[in-house]
Protein backbone atom coordinates (compact mmCIF):
# COMPACT_ATOMS: atom_id res chain seq x y z
CA MET A 1 0.00 0.00 0.00
CA ARG A 2 1.00 3.66 -0.25
CA ALA A 3 2.06 5.59 2.85
CA LEU A 4 3.85 8.82 3.63
CA VAL A 5 7.27 8.13 5.17
CA LEU A 6 9.42 10.76 6.88
CA THR A 7 12.99 9.67 6.20
CA GLY A 8 14.75 12.50 8.04
CA PRO A 9 14.42 16.20 8.84
CA ASP A 10 12.67 17.98 5.96
CA ALA A 11 12.58 14.76 3.94
CA ALA A 12 9.38 12.87 3.14
CA GLU A 13 8.02 10.75 0.32
CA VAL A 14 5.15 8.44 -0.50
CA GLN A 15 6.46 4.87 -0.47
CA ARG A 16 5.10 1.40 -1.06
CA VAL A 17 5.05 -0.37 2.33
CA PRO A 18 3.70 -3.73 3.51
CA VAL A 19 -0.05 -3.97 4.08
CA PRO A 20 -0.71 -4.20 7.84
CA GLU A 21 -2.15 -7.39 9.31
CA ALA A 22 -4.44 -7.36 12.32
CA GLY A 23 -3.11 -9.30 15.30
CA PRO A 24 -5.12 -10.35 18.36
CA GLY A 25 -7.31 -7.47 19.54
CA GLN A 26 -6.41 -5.33 16.53
CA VAL A 27 -8.13 -4.02 13.40
CA VAL A 28 -6.97 -2.66 10.07
CA VAL A 29 -8.80 0.46 8.91
CA ASP A 30 -9.13 1.82 5.38
CA VAL A 31 -8.29 5.50 5.90
CA HIS A 32 -10.72 7.96 4.30
CA ARG A 33 -9.44 11.19 5.85
CA VAL A 34 -6.42 12.18 7.92
CA GLY A 35 -5.59 15.60 9.30
CA VAL A 36 -2.21 17.30 9.42
CA CYS A 37 -1.38 19.02 12.71
CA GLY A 38 1.51 20.85 14.30
CA THR A 39 2.95 17.63 15.72
CA ASP A 40 3.21 16.18 12.21
CA VAL A 41 4.94 19.34 10.99
CA ALA A 42 7.39 19.16 13.92
CA SER A 43 8.08 15.51 13.06
CA TYR A 44 8.81 16.51 9.48
CA ARG A 45 11.14 19.29 10.59
CA GLY A 46 12.90 17.11 13.17
CA THR A 47 11.95 19.32 16.12
CA MET A 48 9.23 17.12 17.64
CA PRO A 49 10.19 16.51 21.31
CA HIS A 50 9.96 12.70 21.06
CA LEU A 51 12.42 12.77 18.16
CA VAL A 52 14.77 14.97 20.15
CA SER A 53 14.59 12.63 23.17
CA GLY A 54 14.98 9.44 21.11
CA ALA A 55 11.49 8.11 21.99
CA ALA A 56 10.61 8.43 18.29
CA TRP A 57 12.87 7.95 15.29
CA TYR A 58 13.15 8.02 11.51
CA PRO A 59 11.82 6.55 9.33
CA LEU A 60 8.52 7.73 10.83
CA ARG A 61 5.02 7.38 9.39
CA PRO A 62 2.84 10.24 10.71
CA GLY A 63 -0.89 10.77 11.06
CA HIS A 64 -3.03 10.55 14.19
CA GLU A 65 -6.22 12.44 13.27
CA TRP A 66 -8.14 10.05 11.06
CA ALA A 67 -11.43 8.45 10.06
CA GLY A 68 -12.17 5.38 7.97
CA THR A 69 -13.81 1.98 7.74
CA VAL A 70 -12.70 -1.25 9.42
CA ALA A 71 -11.38 -3.55 6.68
CA SER A 72 -10.20 -6.56 8.72
CA ILE A 73 -10.11 -7.77 12.31
CA GLY A 74 -7.83 -9.91 14.41
CA ASP A 75 -8.59 -12.69 16.86
CA GLY A 76 -10.79 -11.66 19.76
CA VAL A 77 -12.39 -8.72 17.92
CA GLY A 78 -16.15 -8.86 17.46
CA PRO A 79 -17.34 -9.28 13.85
CA GLU A 80 -19.65 -6.28 14.27
CA TRP A 81 -16.61 -4.05 13.73
CA LEU A 82 -16.18 -5.17 10.10
CA GLY A 83 -17.33 -2.42 7.76
CA ARG A 84 -17.92 -0.01 10.65
CA ARG A 85 -17.04 3.66 10.16
CA VAL A 86 -14.66 4.66 12.96
CA THR A 87 -12.06 6.99 14.30
CA GLY A 88 -9.62 6.17 17.08
CA ASP A 89 -7.62 7.42 20.02
CA THR A 90 -4.00 8.37 19.44
CA MET A 91 -2.88 7.28 22.92
CA LEU A 92 -2.38 3.52 23.22
CA GLY A 93 -1.57 2.51 26.80
CA CYS A 94 -0.13 -0.82 27.85
CA GLY A 95 -3.46 -1.77 29.42
CA HIS A 96 -1.87 -3.33 32.51
CA CYS A 97 -0.30 -0.59 34.62
CA ASP A 98 -1.97 1.34 37.41
CA ARG A 99 -2.57 4.39 35.22
CA CYS A 100 -4.24 2.33 32.50
CA ARG A 101 -6.43 0.59 35.06
CA ARG A 102 -7.52 4.03 36.29
CA GLY A 103 -8.48 5.12 32.77
CA LEU A 104 -5.34 7.20 32.31
CA GLN A 105 -3.88 5.32 29.34
CA HIS A 106 -3.03 8.67 27.73
CA VAL A 107 -0.27 9.15 30.31
CA CYS A 108 0.83 5.50 30.51
CA ALA A 109 4.61 5.44 30.83
CA HIS A 110 4.76 2.66 28.23
CA ARG A 111 2.24 4.06 25.76
CA TYR A 112 2.47 4.30 22.03
CA GLU A 113 1.09 7.30 20.16
CA VAL A 114 -0.17 6.52 16.67
CA GLY A 115 2.09 8.21 14.16
CA VAL A 116 4.02 10.00 16.90
CA LEU A 117 5.67 7.91 19.63
CA GLY A 118 7.29 4.50 19.89
CA GLY A 119 7.29 3.53 16.23
CA TRP A 120 3.52 2.91 15.83
CA ASP A 121 2.82 3.67 12.16
CA GLY A 122 0.38 6.51 11.52
CA ALA A 123 -2.58 7.09 9.26
CA VAL A 124 -1.16 9.16 6.40
CA ALA A 125 -1.52 5.96 4.46
CA GLU A 126 -4.13 3.87 2.71
CA GLN A 127 -4.55 1.76 5.85
CA VAL A 128 -3.72 2.00 9.56
CA LEU A 129 -3.43 -0.73 12.21
CA VAL A 130 -4.89 0.07 15.65
CA PRO A 131 -6.22 -1.77 18.71
CA ALA A 132 -9.99 -2.32 18.66
CA SER A 133 -10.06 -0.90 22.18
CA SER A 134 -9.04 2.52 20.78
CA LEU A 135 -11.94 2.80 18.35
CA GLN A 136 -14.89 5.17 18.41
CA ARG A 137 -17.91 4.41 16.23
CA LEU A 138 -18.96 7.21 13.88
CA PRO A 139 -22.71 7.66 13.37
CA ASP A 140 -23.94 8.29 9.84
CA ARG A 141 -24.55 11.91 10.82
CA VAL A 142 -20.78 12.39 11.34
CA SER A 143 -18.98 12.75 8.01
CA ASP A 144 -15.48 11.51 7.27
CA THR A 145 -14.27 15.11 7.50
CA ALA A 146 -15.81 15.54 10.95
CA GLY A 147 -14.63 12.08 12.01
CA ALA A 148 -11.02 13.05 11.35
CA MET A 149 -11.53 16.09 13.59
CA VAL A 150 -12.58 14.05 16.65
CA GLU A 151 -9.02 13.66 17.94
CA PRO A 152 -8.09 17.37 18.02
CA ALA A 153 -11.62 18.31 19.07
CA GLY A 154 -11.37 15.92 22.02
CA ASN A 155 -8.58 18.05 23.44
CA ALA A 156 -10.71 21.16 23.08
CA ALA A 157 -13.79 19.43 24.47
CA ARG A 158 -11.96 18.13 27.53
CA ALA A 159 -10.73 21.62 28.43
CA VAL A 160 -14.34 22.81 28.47
CA LEU A 161 -16.30 19.78 29.63
CA SER A 162 -13.94 19.08 32.56
CA SER A 163 -14.44 22.60 33.89
CA GLY A 164 -17.99 22.14 35.16
CA ASP A 165 -21.18 23.96 34.25
CA LEU A 166 -20.21 27.03 32.24
CA THR A 167 -23.71 28.38 31.65
CA GLY A 168 -23.35 32.14 31.76
CA ALA A 169 -19.65 31.94 32.61
CA ARG A 170 -17.07 34.20 30.99
CA VAL A 171 -14.51 32.09 29.13
CA ALA A 172 -11.29 33.26 27.48
CA VAL A 173 -9.64 31.17 24.77
CA VAL A 174 -6.12 32.20 23.74
CA GLY A 175 -4.96 31.04 20.32
CA PRO A 176 -7.45 30.92 17.42
CA GLY A 177 -5.98 27.84 15.75
CA THR A 178 -7.83 24.57 15.29
CA ILE A 179 -7.95 23.53 18.95
CA GLY A 180 -8.63 27.04 20.18
CA LEU A 181 -11.53 27.49 17.75
CA LEU A 182 -12.94 24.12 18.76
CA ALA A 183 -12.61 25.01 22.44
CA ALA A 184 -14.53 28.21 21.75
CA ALA A 185 -17.22 26.23 19.91
CA PHE A 186 -17.66 23.80 22.80
CA ALA A 187 -17.82 26.67 25.30
CA VAL A 188 -20.45 28.48 23.22
CA ALA A 189 -22.43 25.24 22.99
CA GLY A 190 -22.22 25.00 26.78
CA GLY A 191 -23.85 28.40 27.22
CA ALA A 192 -20.73 30.41 28.06
CA GLU A 193 -19.89 33.98 27.09
CA VAL A 194 -16.72 33.34 25.10
CA HIS A 195 -13.90 35.74 24.25
CA VAL A 196 -11.17 34.64 21.83
CA PHE A 197 -7.75 36.29 21.84
CA GLY A 198 -4.81 35.87 19.50
CA ARG A 199 -2.66 37.25 16.72
CA SER A 200 -4.09 35.50 13.66
CA SER A 201 -6.59 37.78 11.92
CA ALA A 202 -7.88 34.82 9.89
CA GLY A 203 -8.39 32.78 13.05
CA LEU A 204 -10.14 35.64 14.80
CA ARG A 205 -12.48 36.05 11.83
CA LEU A 206 -13.39 32.37 12.06
CA ALA A 207 -13.93 32.75 15.81
CA ALA A 208 -16.33 35.62 15.20
CA GLY A 209 -18.48 33.27 13.16
CA LEU A 210 -18.83 30.85 16.07
CA GLY A 211 -21.06 33.13 18.10
CA VAL A 212 -18.39 34.35 20.51
CA ALA A 213 -18.86 37.61 22.41
CA SER A 214 -15.62 39.24 21.28
CA THR A 215 -12.28 38.70 19.55
CA GLY A 216 -9.03 40.61 19.69
CA GLY A 217 -5.43 40.71 20.81
CA LEU A 218 -4.51 39.37 24.24
CA ALA A 219 -3.74 42.92 25.38
CA HIS A 220 -7.49 43.55 25.30
CA ALA A 221 -8.25 40.78 27.82
CA GLN A 222 -9.46 42.06 31.18
CA ASP A 223 -7.64 41.18 34.38
CA SER A 224 -9.44 38.81 36.77
CA ALA A 225 -12.44 38.61 34.43
CA TYR A 226 -12.78 35.01 33.20
CA GLN A 227 -13.85 31.94 35.16
CA LEU A 228 -12.07 29.70 32.63
CA VAL A 229 -8.99 30.52 30.54
CA VAL A 230 -7.88 28.00 27.91
CA ASP A 231 -4.39 28.57 26.48
CA THR A 232 -3.96 26.80 23.15
CA SER A 233 -1.24 29.14 21.93
CA SER A 234 2.51 28.64 21.52
CA GLY A 235 3.46 31.88 23.27
CA PRO A 236 5.79 31.32 26.24
CA GLU A 237 4.43 34.49 27.85
CA VAL A 238 0.78 33.40 27.71
CA PRO A 239 0.54 31.18 30.84
CA ALA A 240 1.63 34.09 33.04
CA ARG A 241 -0.94 36.33 31.36
CA ALA A 242 -3.57 33.62 31.79
CA LEU A 243 -3.05 33.79 35.56
CA GLU A 244 -3.58 37.53 35.43
CA ILE A 245 -6.85 37.41 33.52
CA VAL A 246 -8.45 34.42 35.26
CA GLU A 247 -11.00 35.25 37.94
CA PRO A 248 -10.16 34.31 41.56
CA GLY A 249 -11.36 30.76 42.14
CA GLY A 250 -11.27 30.08 38.39
CA THR A 251 -9.44 27.58 36.21
CA VAL A 252 -6.59 27.84 33.72
CA VAL A 253 -6.16 24.97 31.24
CA LEU A 254 -2.80 24.79 29.44
CA ILE A 255 -2.83 22.94 26.11
CA GLY A 256 -0.43 24.88 23.91
CA LEU A 257 3.29 24.15 23.82
CA SER A 258 5.87 26.88 23.38
CA GLY A 259 9.31 26.46 21.92
CA SER A 260 10.92 27.74 25.11
CA PRO A 261 10.04 27.44 28.81
CA SER A 262 7.28 29.62 30.23
CA THR A 263 7.89 31.57 33.42
CA VAL A 264 4.96 32.07 35.81
CA ASP A 265 4.66 33.55 39.28
CA THR A 266 2.98 30.77 41.25
CA ARG A 267 2.07 33.29 43.94
CA GLU A 268 -0.51 34.63 41.50
CA ALA A 269 -2.18 31.22 41.45
CA VAL A 270 -2.05 30.89 45.24
CA PHE A 271 -3.42 34.34 46.06
CA LYS A 272 -6.23 33.91 43.54
CA ASP A 273 -6.97 30.30 44.62
CA VAL A 274 -6.78 29.23 40.98
CA THR A 275 -6.76 25.71 39.55
CA VAL A 276 -4.07 25.30 36.86
CA ARG A 277 -4.38 22.16 34.77
CA GLY A 278 -2.04 20.88 32.10
CA GLN A 279 -3.68 18.79 29.39
CA LEU A 280 -2.00 16.35 27.03
CA SER A 281 -4.92 14.58 25.39
CA GLY A 282 -8.65 14.46 24.79
CA SER A 283 -8.76 10.68 25.29
CA PRO A 284 -11.23 10.77 28.23
CA VAL A 285 -13.94 12.61 26.25
CA MET A 286 -13.72 11.21 22.72
CA ALA A 287 -17.18 9.63 22.92
CA ARG A 288 -18.68 12.92 24.11
CA THR A 289 -16.93 14.69 21.24
CA VAL A 290 -18.46 12.34 18.68
CA ALA A 291 -21.86 12.91 20.31
CA ALA A 292 -21.49 16.69 20.01
CA PHE A 293 -20.70 16.35 16.31
CA ALA A 294 -23.62 13.99 15.81
CA ASP A 295 -26.20 16.22 17.49
CA GLY A 296 -24.95 19.32 15.68
CA SER A 297 -24.06 21.32 18.78
CA VAL A 298 -20.48 21.63 17.45
CA ASP A 299 -19.66 21.66 13.73
CA PRO A 300 -15.94 21.15 12.95
CA GLU A 301 -16.21 21.08 9.17
CA PRO A 302 -15.74 24.85 8.55
CA LEU A 303 -12.30 24.52 10.15
CA VAL A 304 -11.08 22.25 7.32
CA GLY A 305 -9.75 24.48 4.58
CA ALA A 306 -8.98 21.80 1.99
CA THR A 307 -8.66 18.07 1.33
CA VAL A 308 -5.77 16.98 -0.89
CA PRO A 309 -4.48 13.67 -2.31
CA LEU A 310 -1.82 11.57 -0.61
CA ASP A 311 0.79 12.63 -3.16
CA ARG A 312 0.60 16.21 -1.82
CA ALA A 313 1.04 15.21 1.85
CA ALA A 314 4.76 16.01 1.94
CA ASP A 315 4.04 19.40 0.40
CA VAL A 316 1.49 20.15 3.13
CA LEU A 317 4.07 19.32 5.81
CA ALA A 318 6.50 21.68 4.09
CA GLY A 319 3.97 24.51 4.30
CA TRP A 320 2.06 24.28 1.00
CA ARG A 321 -1.59 25.23 1.00
CA PRO A 322 -3.87 24.98 -2.05
CA ASP A 323 -4.67 28.30 -3.70
CA ASP A 324 -8.38 27.51 -3.50
CA ALA A 325 -8.33 26.46 0.18
CA GLY A 326 -11.04 27.85 2.40
CA ALA A 327 -10.51 29.90 5.53
CA GLY A 328 -10.24 26.91 7.89
CA PRO A 329 -6.74 26.26 9.27
CA LYS A 330 -6.83 22.46 8.96
CA ILE A 331 -5.70 20.56 5.86
CA HIS A 332 -6.96 17.00 5.36
CA ILE A 333 -5.53 14.26 3.18
CA ASP A 334 -7.61 11.62 1.38
CA PRO A 335 -5.25 8.63 0.95
CA ARG A 336 -7.63 7.04 -1.56
CA ARG A 337 -6.83 9.81 -4.05
């Protein structure tokens, strides 16, 4: 089959690779859509932290935001999965350690991450091999495009859904990229008054179309004004600013990763009695994310600017964007093309 292979920093090509075979508890999925995210770009450039640490290595096959149809199953997998439209979790825990038993497989010390960590081949390919336990069924009402947005949207959804009832609450989202826009959409759906801050004029225009109360630069955020602040940006200065603008007794959720360490004054968090939560994954709320897409309360499709064939995947990683792409920041690949 055809798959995108990263052979080194700034080097990628579509290669013929062996067709995967489902082992016990595993399935092989025909990939219909796969999204390209910042982690994939960092893998292509050689700057992804797992590559730097040696926990990932070249050749590397990326792709962890996907949707498709189950083509074959291994021993121990129920036949009802055959032909089922699905997406899947990126985080594959060992299943045996204390964290996995507590439902925290996304921080299992021995986990794989599809297309990212530990050599588990990703979904920028005609097929992907994954454990059946990682699958999420996609209802007919959820398109392939939306299905491939479940993984990034899960991160956004968890930031919002894990913060309690936000009806009438003032929420600040920093960073109008894919995850930030999705976080804003989930907060609006939850009845919050949402304010989106960032530098991207295109992203802020998209945010304005989500029904948010205001958009603008972070300098316009009010101090001590927001019960929930979600930082999806890459600015090393943003976490400190988040502590300034969060209301006493509120919550700051940190999702974005900066290229250099952030410096914060923890006294600000103590004096304001603030909860600060780091977040790696949306694994715990993937089913709730699918449900939100299915009932129409959150629509991720406008955030996908274009879908391109597999042969253009390396170009996308290098920064290419089709001239006729829409306003959405996300680029999808259809490996069948």
